[in-house]
Amino acid sequence: MIKGDTVRLFCVFKTFEGVLIDPSSISLKIYDNAQNVIETIPVGIENKESTGKYYYDYTPASELNEVFYFEFAGSVNNKPILVRDSVKVKFI
């Protein structure tokens, strides 16, 4: 992604059997390249594409350089479920 641009962060939540599932209390955490939490964002029904599929349109904070990590997390049957990935940031 180009620094200063907005990126759509996307995740898919599945059970161990591979069935799409909707967790409760979903949040999105953004980490810098040292794995420090930069911000935590609640994710609601407005960010739901379909069962188990969620997104968030994010404009990275100016202190995020080179790469940042994101984590969508929630809970299913009182157990945590999460998805993590990274985004490379370039200044072009």
Protein backbone atom coordinates (compact mmCIF):
# COMPACT_ATOMS: atom_id res chain seq x y z
CA MET A 1 0.00 0.00 0.00
CA ILE A 2 1.07 3.59 -0.53
CA LYS A 3 1.70 5.61 2.65
CA GLY A 4 -1.24 7.92 3.38
CA ASP A 5 -3.74 5.81 1.41
CA THR A 6 -6.66 3.86 2.84
CA VAL A 7 -6.49 0.07 2.82
CA ARG A 8 -9.33 -2.41 3.30
CA LEU A 9 -8.37 -4.92 5.98
CA PHE A 10 -10.29 -8.17 5.58
CA CYS A 11 -10.68 -11.37 7.58
CA VAL A 12 -12.56 -14.65 7.50
CA PHE A 13 -13.55 -16.45 10.71
CA LYS A 14 -14.01 -20.24 10.51
CA THR A 15 -14.54 -23.14 12.89
CA PHE A 16 -12.01 -25.98 13.08
CA GLU A 17 -14.21 -27.77 10.56
CA GLY A 18 -13.92 -24.87 8.10
CA VAL A 19 -17.46 -23.56 8.56
CA LEU A 20 -17.83 -19.76 8.44
CA ILE A 21 -18.88 -18.36 11.81
CA ASP A 22 -19.73 -14.98 13.34
CA PRO A 23 -17.85 -14.29 16.59
CA SER A 24 -19.14 -11.92 19.24
CA SER A 25 -17.40 -8.73 20.42
CA ILE A 26 -15.16 -8.30 17.37
CA SER A 27 -12.31 -5.80 17.56
CA LEU A 28 -9.46 -4.82 15.30
CA LYS A 29 -6.00 -4.16 16.74
CA ILE A 30 -3.27 -2.40 14.79
CA TYR A 31 0.36 -3.15 15.69
CA ASP A 32 3.54 -1.38 14.58
CA ASN A 33 6.54 -3.33 13.27
CA ALA A 34 7.78 -3.80 16.88
CA GLN A 35 4.43 -5.44 17.70
CA ASN A 36 3.25 -2.58 19.94
CA VAL A 37 -0.51 -1.94 19.86
CA ILE A 38 -1.13 1.39 18.11
CA GLU A 39 -4.92 1.36 18.32
CA THR A 40 -7.92 -0.85 19.01
CA ILE A 41 -11.08 -0.39 16.94
CA PRO A 42 -14.50 -1.96 17.59
CA VAL A 43 -15.87 -3.80 14.54
CA GLY A 44 -19.65 -3.84 14.14
CA ILE A 45 -22.36 -5.19 11.89
CA GLU A 46 -21.65 -2.36 9.42
CA ASN A 47 -18.32 -4.06 8.75
CA LYS A 48 -19.83 -7.47 8.03
CA GLU A 49 -19.75 -8.62 4.41
CA SER A 50 -21.45 -11.97 5.05
CA THR A 51 -21.31 -14.78 7.61
CA GLY A 52 -17.78 -14.93 9.02
CA LYS A 53 -16.42 -12.25 6.66
CA TYR A 54 -15.52 -8.84 8.04
CA TYR A 55 -13.58 -5.80 6.83
CA TYR A 56 -12.47 -2.39 8.00
CA ASP A 57 -11.29 0.54 5.86
CA TYR A 58 -8.18 1.81 7.62
CA THR A 59 -5.91 4.80 7.00
CA PRO A 60 -2.63 4.00 8.77
CA ALA A 61 -1.34 6.33 11.44
CA SER A 62 1.66 8.39 10.31
CA GLU A 63 4.01 6.52 12.67
CA LEU A 64 3.41 3.23 10.86
CA ASN A 65 6.34 2.70 8.51
CA GLU A 66 7.48 -0.22 6.34
CA VAL A 67 4.99 -2.75 7.72
CA PHE A 68 2.13 -2.91 10.19
CA TYR A 69 0.19 -5.84 11.53
CA PHE A 70 -3.53 -6.17 12.11
CA GLU A 71 -5.58 -8.56 14.19
CA PHE A 72 -9.33 -9.16 14.05
CA ALA A 73 -10.43 -10.90 17.27
CA GLY A 74 -13.65 -12.03 18.88
CA SER A 75 -15.05 -14.95 20.77
CA VAL A 76 -17.03 -18.09 19.93
CA ASN A 77 -18.52 -20.18 22.74
CA ASN A 78 -16.47 -18.15 25.24
CA LYS A 79 -13.21 -19.05 23.45
CA PRO A 80 -11.00 -16.55 21.59
CA ILE A 81 -10.82 -16.59 17.81
CA LEU A 82 -8.51 -14.31 15.81
CA VAL A 83 -7.03 -13.61 12.41
CA ARG A 84 -3.70 -11.78 11.89
CA ASP A 85 -1.94 -10.46 8.81
CA SER A 86 0.45 -7.70 7.77
CA VAL A 87 0.51 -4.80 5.33
CA LYS A 88 3.67 -3.40 3.74
CA VAL A 89 3.74 0.40 3.55
CA LYS A 90 5.68 2.26 0.84
CA PHE A 91 6.26 5.94 0.15
CA ILE A 92 6.08 6.34 -3.63
